[in-house]
């Protein structure tokens, strides 16, 4: 069983475009969508509405920077300070070109910082490339597995 991709996006337009792009990339990974930083943390910590979810980390987190409740930088900080989540790949997927956002993201050890392209075709290609790279080509850190074995 493939590990899911966690998509954290509050903008309905960007969410739809991202899902279309991931679908066009023909990835078999399930895409889990959450709409704010608090919900992302609930999913990652398997609490609240996600308390009964199957254990294991996503193959990658595609994280918007500007989120309601808990912003993307705070979600990233939580991920990097939690031993069980620390090595999980996180891609900041944002419309922000502000240098401070870029610097702060890398200070918090983001794996990649991608500014969402405005052009639809470029957007689809960028998301498709990201999905393929992080869910298929990237070798996960030692101690984790690309595949989650079904439990008996």
N, C-alpha and C. Protein backbone atom coordinates (compact mmCIF):
# COMPACT_ATOMS: atom_id res chain seq x y z
N UNK A 1 0.84 -1.18 0.00
CA UNK A 1 0.00 0.00 0.00
C UNK A 1 0.89 1.24 0.00
N UNK A 2 0.61 2.15 -0.91
CA UNK A 2 1.40 3.38 -0.99
C UNK A 2 1.06 4.33 0.15
N UNK A 3 2.06 5.08 0.58
CA UNK A 3 1.81 6.09 1.59
C UNK A 3 1.08 7.26 0.95
N UNK A 4 0.19 7.90 1.68
CA UNK A 4 -0.55 9.02 1.10
C UNK A 4 0.29 10.30 0.99
N UNK A 5 -0.21 11.21 0.21
CA UNK A 5 0.33 12.56 0.13
C UNK A 5 -0.60 13.43 0.97
N UNK A 6 -0.06 14.21 1.89
CA UNK A 6 -0.87 15.12 2.70
C UNK A 6 -0.81 16.49 2.05
N UNK A 7 -1.95 16.98 1.61
CA UNK A 7 -2.06 18.29 0.98
C UNK A 7 -2.76 19.23 1.95
N UNK A 8 -2.06 20.29 2.35
CA UNK A 8 -2.60 21.26 3.30
C UNK A 8 -2.84 22.56 2.53
N UNK A 9 -4.09 22.81 2.20
CA UNK A 9 -4.42 23.96 1.34
C UNK A 9 -5.80 24.51 1.73
N UNK A 10 -5.89 25.81 1.95
CA UNK A 10 -7.17 26.41 2.31
C UNK A 10 -7.86 27.11 1.14
N UNK A 11 -7.11 27.44 0.09
CA UNK A 11 -7.68 28.15 -1.05
C UNK A 11 -8.37 27.15 -1.99
N UNK A 12 -9.71 27.25 -2.16
CA UNK A 12 -10.42 26.27 -2.98
C UNK A 12 -9.90 26.19 -4.42
N UNK A 13 -9.55 27.32 -5.01
CA UNK A 13 -9.03 27.32 -6.38
C UNK A 13 -7.69 26.57 -6.47
N UNK A 14 -6.77 26.90 -5.57
CA UNK A 14 -5.47 26.23 -5.57
C UNK A 14 -5.61 24.75 -5.25
N UNK A 15 -6.56 24.43 -4.36
CA UNK A 15 -6.81 23.02 -4.02
C UNK A 15 -7.25 22.25 -5.26
N UNK A 16 -8.21 22.82 -5.98
CA UNK A 16 -8.71 22.14 -7.18
C UNK A 16 -7.60 21.95 -8.21
N UNK A 17 -6.82 23.01 -8.44
CA UNK A 17 -5.72 22.89 -9.42
C UNK A 17 -4.70 21.85 -8.99
N UNK A 18 -4.39 21.82 -7.72
CA UNK A 18 -3.41 20.86 -7.22
C UNK A 18 -3.92 19.43 -7.38
N UNK A 19 -5.18 19.21 -7.06
CA UNK A 19 -5.74 17.86 -7.21
C UNK A 19 -5.78 17.44 -8.67
N UNK A 20 -6.11 18.38 -9.57
CA UNK A 20 -6.09 18.07 -11.00
C UNK A 20 -4.67 17.69 -11.44
N UNK A 21 -3.71 18.47 -10.98
CA UNK A 21 -2.32 18.21 -11.36
C UNK A 21 -1.84 16.86 -10.84
N UNK A 22 -2.18 16.54 -9.61
CA UNK A 22 -1.77 15.24 -9.05
C UNK A 22 -2.45 14.10 -9.79
N UNK A 23 -3.71 14.32 -10.17
CA UNK A 23 -4.42 13.29 -10.93
C UNK A 23 -3.77 13.08 -12.30
N UNK A 24 -3.37 14.18 -12.94
CA UNK A 24 -2.73 14.07 -14.26
C UNK A 24 -1.38 13.37 -14.18
N UNK A 25 -0.75 13.44 -13.02
CA UNK A 25 0.55 12.78 -12.87
C UNK A 25 0.39 11.27 -12.71
N UNK A 26 -0.85 10.80 -12.55
CA UNK A 26 -1.18 9.38 -12.45
C UNK A 26 -0.51 8.69 -11.27
N UNK A 27 -0.31 9.44 -10.21
CA UNK A 27 0.22 8.83 -8.99
C UNK A 27 -0.87 7.97 -8.37
N UNK A 28 -0.49 6.85 -7.85
CA UNK A 28 -1.45 5.95 -7.22
C UNK A 28 -1.65 6.29 -5.74
N UNK A 29 -0.85 7.22 -5.23
CA UNK A 29 -0.95 7.57 -3.81
C UNK A 29 -2.29 8.26 -3.53
N UNK A 30 -2.88 7.90 -2.41
CA UNK A 30 -4.07 8.62 -1.95
C UNK A 30 -3.65 10.04 -1.56
N UNK A 31 -4.48 11.01 -1.83
CA UNK A 31 -4.20 12.39 -1.42
C UNK A 31 -5.16 12.74 -0.29
N UNK A 32 -4.59 13.04 0.86
CA UNK A 32 -5.37 13.45 2.02
C UNK A 32 -5.38 14.98 2.01
N UNK A 33 -6.56 15.57 2.02
CA UNK A 33 -6.68 17.03 1.98
C UNK A 33 -7.14 17.54 3.34
N UNK A 34 -6.42 18.50 3.88
CA UNK A 34 -6.84 19.20 5.08
C UNK A 34 -6.81 20.69 4.77
N UNK A 35 -7.66 21.47 5.45
CA UNK A 35 -7.88 22.87 5.07
C UNK A 35 -7.18 23.90 5.93
N UNK A 36 -6.55 23.50 7.02
CA UNK A 36 -5.85 24.49 7.85
C UNK A 36 -4.74 23.79 8.63
N UNK A 37 -3.92 24.61 9.28
CA UNK A 37 -2.77 24.05 10.00
C UNK A 37 -3.17 23.20 11.19
N UNK A 38 -4.23 23.56 11.87
CA UNK A 38 -4.67 22.77 13.03
C UNK A 38 -5.12 21.37 12.58
N UNK A 39 -5.83 21.32 11.46
CA UNK A 39 -6.28 20.03 10.95
C UNK A 39 -5.08 19.19 10.47
N UNK A 40 -4.08 19.86 9.89
CA UNK A 40 -2.87 19.14 9.47
C UNK A 40 -2.18 18.49 10.67
N UNK A 41 -2.08 19.24 11.75
CA UNK A 41 -1.45 18.68 12.95
C UNK A 41 -2.29 17.55 13.55
N UNK A 42 -3.61 17.71 13.51
CA UNK A 42 -4.47 16.61 13.98
C UNK A 42 -4.21 15.35 13.17
N UNK A 43 -4.09 15.50 11.85
CA UNK A 43 -3.82 14.33 11.01
C UNK A 43 -2.46 13.73 11.36
N UNK A 44 -1.44 14.57 11.43
CA UNK A 44 -0.08 14.06 11.66
C UNK A 44 0.05 13.39 13.03
N UNK A 45 -0.63 13.94 14.04
CA UNK A 45 -0.56 13.36 15.38
C UNK A 45 -1.65 12.30 15.60
N UNK A 46 -2.44 12.01 14.55
CA UNK A 46 -3.53 11.02 14.63
C UNK A 46 -4.41 11.29 15.85
N UNK A 47 -4.95 12.48 15.90
CA UNK A 47 -5.83 12.86 17.01
C UNK A 47 -7.09 13.51 16.43
N UNK A 48 -8.05 13.76 17.29
CA UNK A 48 -9.31 14.38 16.85
C UNK A 48 -10.01 13.50 15.82
N UNK A 49 -10.43 14.11 14.71
CA UNK A 49 -11.12 13.36 13.65
C UNK A 49 -10.25 12.28 13.02
N UNK A 50 -8.96 12.35 13.24
CA UNK A 50 -8.02 11.40 12.61
C UNK A 50 -7.46 10.38 13.61
N UNK A 51 -8.05 10.30 14.78
CA UNK A 51 -7.53 9.40 15.81
C UNK A 51 -7.55 7.94 15.36
N UNK A 52 -8.47 7.58 14.49
CA UNK A 52 -8.59 6.18 14.06
C UNK A 52 -7.88 5.92 12.73
N UNK A 53 -7.16 6.89 12.19
CA UNK A 53 -6.52 6.67 10.90
C UNK A 53 -5.41 5.63 11.01
N UNK A 54 -5.07 5.05 9.85
CA UNK A 54 -3.98 4.09 9.82
C UNK A 54 -2.69 4.81 10.18
N UNK A 55 -1.90 4.21 11.02
CA UNK A 55 -0.64 4.83 11.47
C UNK A 55 0.36 4.90 10.33
N UNK A 56 1.28 5.81 10.44
CA UNK A 56 2.33 6.00 9.44
C UNK A 56 2.28 7.41 8.90
N UNK A 57 3.44 7.89 8.51
CA UNK A 57 3.55 9.25 8.00
C UNK A 57 3.28 9.28 6.51
N UNK A 58 2.82 10.42 6.00
CA UNK A 58 2.64 10.56 4.56
C UNK A 58 3.97 10.48 3.83
N UNK A 59 3.91 10.19 2.52
CA UNK A 59 5.13 10.19 1.71
C UNK A 59 5.72 11.59 1.64
N UNK A 60 4.87 12.59 1.62
CA UNK A 60 5.29 13.99 1.57
C UNK A 60 4.13 14.86 2.04
N UNK A 61 4.46 16.00 2.61
CA UNK A 61 3.46 17.00 2.97
C UNK A 61 3.62 18.17 2.02
N UNK A 62 2.56 18.49 1.28
CA UNK A 62 2.54 19.70 0.45
C UNK A 62 1.82 20.74 1.28
N UNK A 63 2.56 21.72 1.77
CA UNK A 63 2.08 22.62 2.81
C UNK A 63 2.00 24.05 2.32
N UNK A 64 0.81 24.62 2.37
CA UNK A 64 0.64 26.03 2.06
C UNK A 64 1.22 26.85 3.22
N UNK A 65 1.71 28.02 2.92
CA UNK A 65 2.33 28.87 3.94
C UNK A 65 1.29 29.65 4.73
N UNK A 66 0.39 30.29 4.03
CA UNK A 66 -0.62 31.14 4.69
C UNK A 66 -1.87 30.33 4.93
N UNK A 67 -2.04 29.88 6.16
CA UNK A 67 -3.16 29.02 6.53
C UNK A 67 -3.92 29.60 7.71
N UNK A 68 -5.23 29.34 7.79
CA UNK A 68 -5.97 29.75 8.98
C UNK A 68 -5.62 28.87 10.18
N UNK A 69 -5.91 29.37 11.35
CA UNK A 69 -5.72 28.70 12.65
C UNK A 69 -4.24 28.56 13.00
N UNK A 70 -3.50 27.75 12.29
CA UNK A 70 -2.06 27.57 12.52
C UNK A 70 -1.38 27.73 11.16
N UNK A 71 -0.47 28.69 11.03
CA UNK A 71 0.13 28.91 9.70
C UNK A 71 1.15 27.83 9.34
N UNK A 72 1.54 27.83 8.07
CA UNK A 72 2.42 26.79 7.56
C UNK A 72 3.77 26.73 8.27
N UNK A 73 4.30 27.88 8.65
CA UNK A 73 5.59 27.88 9.35
C UNK A 73 5.48 27.21 10.71
N UNK A 74 4.36 27.43 11.40
CA UNK A 74 4.18 26.80 12.70
C UNK A 74 3.98 25.28 12.54
N UNK A 75 3.25 24.88 11.51
CA UNK A 75 3.10 23.44 11.23
C UNK A 75 4.47 22.83 10.96
N UNK A 76 5.27 23.51 10.14
CA UNK A 76 6.62 23.02 9.83
C UNK A 76 7.46 22.91 11.10
N UNK A 77 7.38 23.93 11.96
CA UNK A 77 8.13 23.89 13.22
C UNK A 77 7.72 22.68 14.06
N UNK A 78 6.43 22.43 14.15
CA UNK A 78 5.93 21.27 14.92
C UNK A 78 6.47 19.97 14.34
N UNK A 79 6.44 19.87 13.02
CA UNK A 79 6.93 18.66 12.36
C UNK A 79 8.41 18.45 12.69
N UNK A 80 9.19 19.49 12.60
CA UNK A 80 10.65 19.35 12.79
C UNK A 80 11.06 19.17 14.24
N UNK A 81 10.17 19.46 15.18
CA UNK A 81 10.51 19.26 16.59
C UNK A 81 9.87 17.99 17.17
N UNK A 82 9.19 17.22 16.33
CA UNK A 82 8.57 15.98 16.78
C UNK A 82 9.38 14.80 16.24
N UNK A 83 10.01 14.02 17.11
CA UNK A 83 10.90 12.96 16.63
C UNK A 83 10.29 12.03 15.58
N UNK A 84 9.05 11.63 15.73
CA UNK A 84 8.44 10.70 14.77
C UNK A 84 8.11 11.34 13.43
N UNK A 85 8.11 12.66 13.37
CA UNK A 85 7.75 13.36 12.13
C UNK A 85 8.95 14.05 11.48
N UNK A 86 10.00 14.26 12.25
CA UNK A 86 11.12 15.11 11.87
C UNK A 86 11.70 14.84 10.48
N UNK A 87 11.82 13.59 10.09
CA UNK A 87 12.47 13.26 8.82
C UNK A 87 11.51 13.25 7.63
N UNK A 88 10.25 13.48 7.87
CA UNK A 88 9.25 13.45 6.80
C UNK A 88 9.46 14.62 5.83
N UNK A 89 9.45 14.36 4.52
CA UNK A 89 9.62 15.44 3.56
C UNK A 89 8.46 16.44 3.59
N UNK A 90 8.80 17.70 3.61
CA UNK A 90 7.80 18.77 3.58
C UNK A 90 8.17 19.75 2.47
N UNK A 91 7.22 20.00 1.59
CA UNK A 91 7.40 20.98 0.52
C UNK A 91 6.47 22.15 0.80
N UNK A 92 7.05 23.34 0.94
CA UNK A 92 6.24 24.54 1.11
C UNK A 92 5.74 24.92 -0.27
N UNK A 93 4.44 24.93 -0.44
CA UNK A 93 3.80 25.23 -1.72
C UNK A 93 3.00 26.50 -1.52
N UNK A 94 3.50 27.61 -2.04
CA UNK A 94 2.96 28.90 -1.65
C UNK A 94 2.94 29.89 -2.81
N UNK A 95 2.19 30.94 -2.63
CA UNK A 95 2.22 32.05 -3.59
C UNK A 95 3.14 33.15 -3.11
N UNK A 96 3.70 33.01 -1.93
CA UNK A 96 4.56 34.04 -1.34
C UNK A 96 5.97 34.02 -1.95
N UNK A 97 6.37 35.16 -2.44
CA UNK A 97 7.74 35.34 -2.91
C UNK A 97 8.55 36.18 -1.92
N UNK A 98 7.99 36.39 -0.73
CA UNK A 98 8.67 37.21 0.27
C UNK A 98 9.92 36.49 0.77
N UNK A 99 11.01 37.22 0.74
CA UNK A 99 12.29 36.63 1.13
C UNK A 99 12.27 36.10 2.56
N UNK A 100 11.58 36.80 3.46
CA UNK A 100 11.52 36.36 4.86
C UNK A 100 10.82 35.00 4.98
N UNK A 101 9.79 34.77 4.18
CA UNK A 101 9.11 33.47 4.20
C UNK A 101 10.04 32.37 3.72
N UNK A 102 10.76 32.66 2.67
CA UNK A 102 11.73 31.70 2.13
C UNK A 102 12.82 31.39 3.15
N UNK A 103 13.40 32.42 3.72
CA UNK A 103 14.48 32.23 4.71
C UNK A 103 13.96 31.45 5.91
N UNK A 104 12.81 31.85 6.44
CA UNK A 104 12.26 31.21 7.64
C UNK A 104 11.93 29.73 7.36
N UNK A 105 11.42 29.45 6.17
CA UNK A 105 11.11 28.06 5.82
C UNK A 105 12.37 27.20 5.81
N UNK A 106 13.43 27.72 5.22
CA UNK A 106 14.68 26.93 5.19
C UNK A 106 15.33 26.86 6.57
N UNK A 107 15.18 27.89 7.38
CA UNK A 107 15.68 27.81 8.76
C UNK A 107 14.98 26.69 9.53
N UNK A 108 13.73 26.43 9.16
CA UNK A 108 12.96 25.36 9.81
C UNK A 108 13.12 24.03 9.07
N UNK A 109 14.08 23.98 8.16
CA UNK A 109 14.44 22.74 7.46
C UNK A 109 13.37 22.20 6.52
N UNK A 110 12.72 23.10 5.78
CA UNK A 110 11.82 22.65 4.74
C UNK A 110 12.66 21.93 3.68
N UNK A 111 12.09 20.94 3.02
CA UNK A 111 12.83 20.21 1.99
C UNK A 111 12.85 20.94 0.66
N UNK A 112 11.79 21.69 0.39
CA UNK A 112 11.73 22.48 -0.85
C UNK A 112 10.73 23.61 -0.66
N UNK A 113 10.97 24.70 -1.36
CA UNK A 113 10.09 25.87 -1.31
C UNK A 113 9.70 26.16 -2.75
N UNK A 114 8.43 25.99 -3.06
CA UNK A 114 7.96 26.14 -4.43
C UNK A 114 6.91 27.24 -4.49
N UNK A 115 7.17 28.24 -5.32
CA UNK A 115 6.18 29.29 -5.55
C UNK A 115 5.22 28.78 -6.62
N UNK A 116 3.93 28.82 -6.30
CA UNK A 116 2.92 28.31 -7.22
C UNK A 116 2.94 29.12 -8.51
N UNK A 117 3.15 28.46 -9.64
CA UNK A 117 3.11 29.19 -10.91
C UNK A 117 1.70 29.74 -11.18
N UNK A 118 1.62 30.88 -11.81
CA UNK A 118 0.33 31.50 -12.13
C UNK A 118 -0.30 30.83 -13.35
N UNK A 119 0.52 30.48 -14.33
CA UNK A 119 0.04 29.85 -15.55
C UNK A 119 -0.44 28.42 -15.24
N UNK A 120 -1.64 28.08 -15.75
CA UNK A 120 -2.23 26.78 -15.44
C UNK A 120 -1.33 25.61 -15.85
N UNK A 121 -0.82 25.65 -17.08
CA UNK A 121 0.02 24.54 -17.55
C UNK A 121 1.29 24.40 -16.71
N UNK A 122 1.88 25.55 -16.36
CA UNK A 122 3.09 25.49 -15.51
C UNK A 122 2.75 24.97 -14.13
N UNK A 123 1.58 25.39 -13.61
CA UNK A 123 1.15 24.92 -12.29
C UNK A 123 0.98 23.41 -12.30
N UNK A 124 0.27 22.90 -13.30
CA UNK A 124 0.04 21.45 -13.40
C UNK A 124 1.37 20.71 -13.52
N UNK A 125 2.27 21.21 -14.34
CA UNK A 125 3.56 20.54 -14.51
C UNK A 125 4.36 20.57 -13.20
N UNK A 126 4.37 21.71 -12.51
CA UNK A 126 5.13 21.82 -11.26
C UNK A 126 4.59 20.85 -10.20
N UNK A 127 3.28 20.79 -10.05
CA UNK A 127 2.69 19.89 -9.04
C UNK A 127 2.91 18.44 -9.43
N UNK A 128 2.75 18.14 -10.69
CA UNK A 128 2.98 16.78 -11.16
C UNK A 128 4.43 16.35 -10.89
N UNK A 129 5.37 17.22 -11.23
CA UNK A 129 6.79 16.92 -10.98
C UNK A 129 7.06 16.73 -9.49
N UNK A 130 6.47 17.58 -8.66
CA UNK A 130 6.65 17.45 -7.21
C UNK A 130 6.11 16.11 -6.71
N UNK A 131 4.92 15.78 -7.16
CA UNK A 131 4.31 14.52 -6.71
C UNK A 131 5.15 13.33 -7.11
N UNK A 132 5.57 13.31 -8.34
CA UNK A 132 6.38 12.17 -8.82
C UNK A 132 7.71 12.11 -8.07
N UNK A 133 8.36 13.26 -7.90
CA UNK A 133 9.65 13.24 -7.23
C UNK A 133 9.53 12.74 -5.79
N UNK A 134 8.63 13.35 -5.00
CA UNK A 134 8.58 13.03 -3.58
C UNK A 134 7.88 11.72 -3.28
N UNK A 135 6.92 11.32 -4.10
CA UNK A 135 6.19 10.08 -3.81
C UNK A 135 6.78 8.86 -4.50
N UNK A 136 7.58 9.06 -5.55
CA UNK A 136 8.09 7.91 -6.30
C UNK A 136 9.61 7.88 -6.33
N UNK A 137 10.24 8.98 -6.70
CA UNK A 137 11.68 8.96 -6.92
C UNK A 137 12.50 9.14 -5.65
N UNK A 138 12.04 9.96 -4.74
CA UNK A 138 12.80 10.25 -3.54
C UNK A 138 12.95 9.01 -2.66
N UNK A 139 14.15 8.76 -2.19
CA UNK A 139 14.37 7.69 -1.23
C UNK A 139 14.07 8.24 0.16
N UNK A 140 13.15 7.58 0.88
CA UNK A 140 12.81 8.07 2.22
C UNK A 140 13.99 7.88 3.17
N UNK A 141 14.01 8.63 4.28
CA UNK A 141 15.13 8.52 5.22
C UNK A 141 15.21 7.12 5.83
N UNK A 142 16.40 6.73 6.30
CA UNK A 142 16.54 5.42 6.96
C UNK A 142 15.53 5.28 8.09
N UNK A 143 15.00 4.09 8.22
CA UNK A 143 14.03 3.84 9.28
C UNK A 143 12.60 4.01 8.82
N UNK A 144 12.41 4.54 7.63
CA UNK A 144 11.05 4.66 7.12
C UNK A 144 10.96 3.86 5.82
N UNK A 145 9.78 3.66 5.35
CA UNK A 145 9.57 2.87 4.16
C UNK A 145 8.70 3.62 3.20
N UNK A 146 8.93 3.41 1.92
CA UNK A 146 8.10 4.05 0.90
C UNK A 146 6.69 3.46 0.93
N UNK A 147 6.60 2.19 1.24
CA UNK A 147 5.32 1.50 1.26
C UNK A 147 4.91 1.18 2.68
N UNK A 148 3.64 1.27 2.93
CA UNK A 148 3.08 0.86 4.20
C UNK A 148 2.44 -0.49 3.99
N UNK A 149 2.90 -1.49 4.72
CA UNK A 149 2.34 -2.83 4.56
C UNK A 149 0.98 -2.89 5.24
N UNK A 150 0.01 -3.51 4.56
CA UNK A 150 -1.31 -3.66 5.20
C UNK A 150 -1.17 -4.48 6.48
N UNK A 151 -1.95 -4.11 7.49
CA UNK A 151 -1.93 -4.86 8.74
C UNK A 151 -2.94 -5.98 8.67
N UNK A 152 -2.59 -7.13 9.24
CA UNK A 152 -3.51 -8.28 9.25
C UNK A 152 -4.56 -8.13 10.32
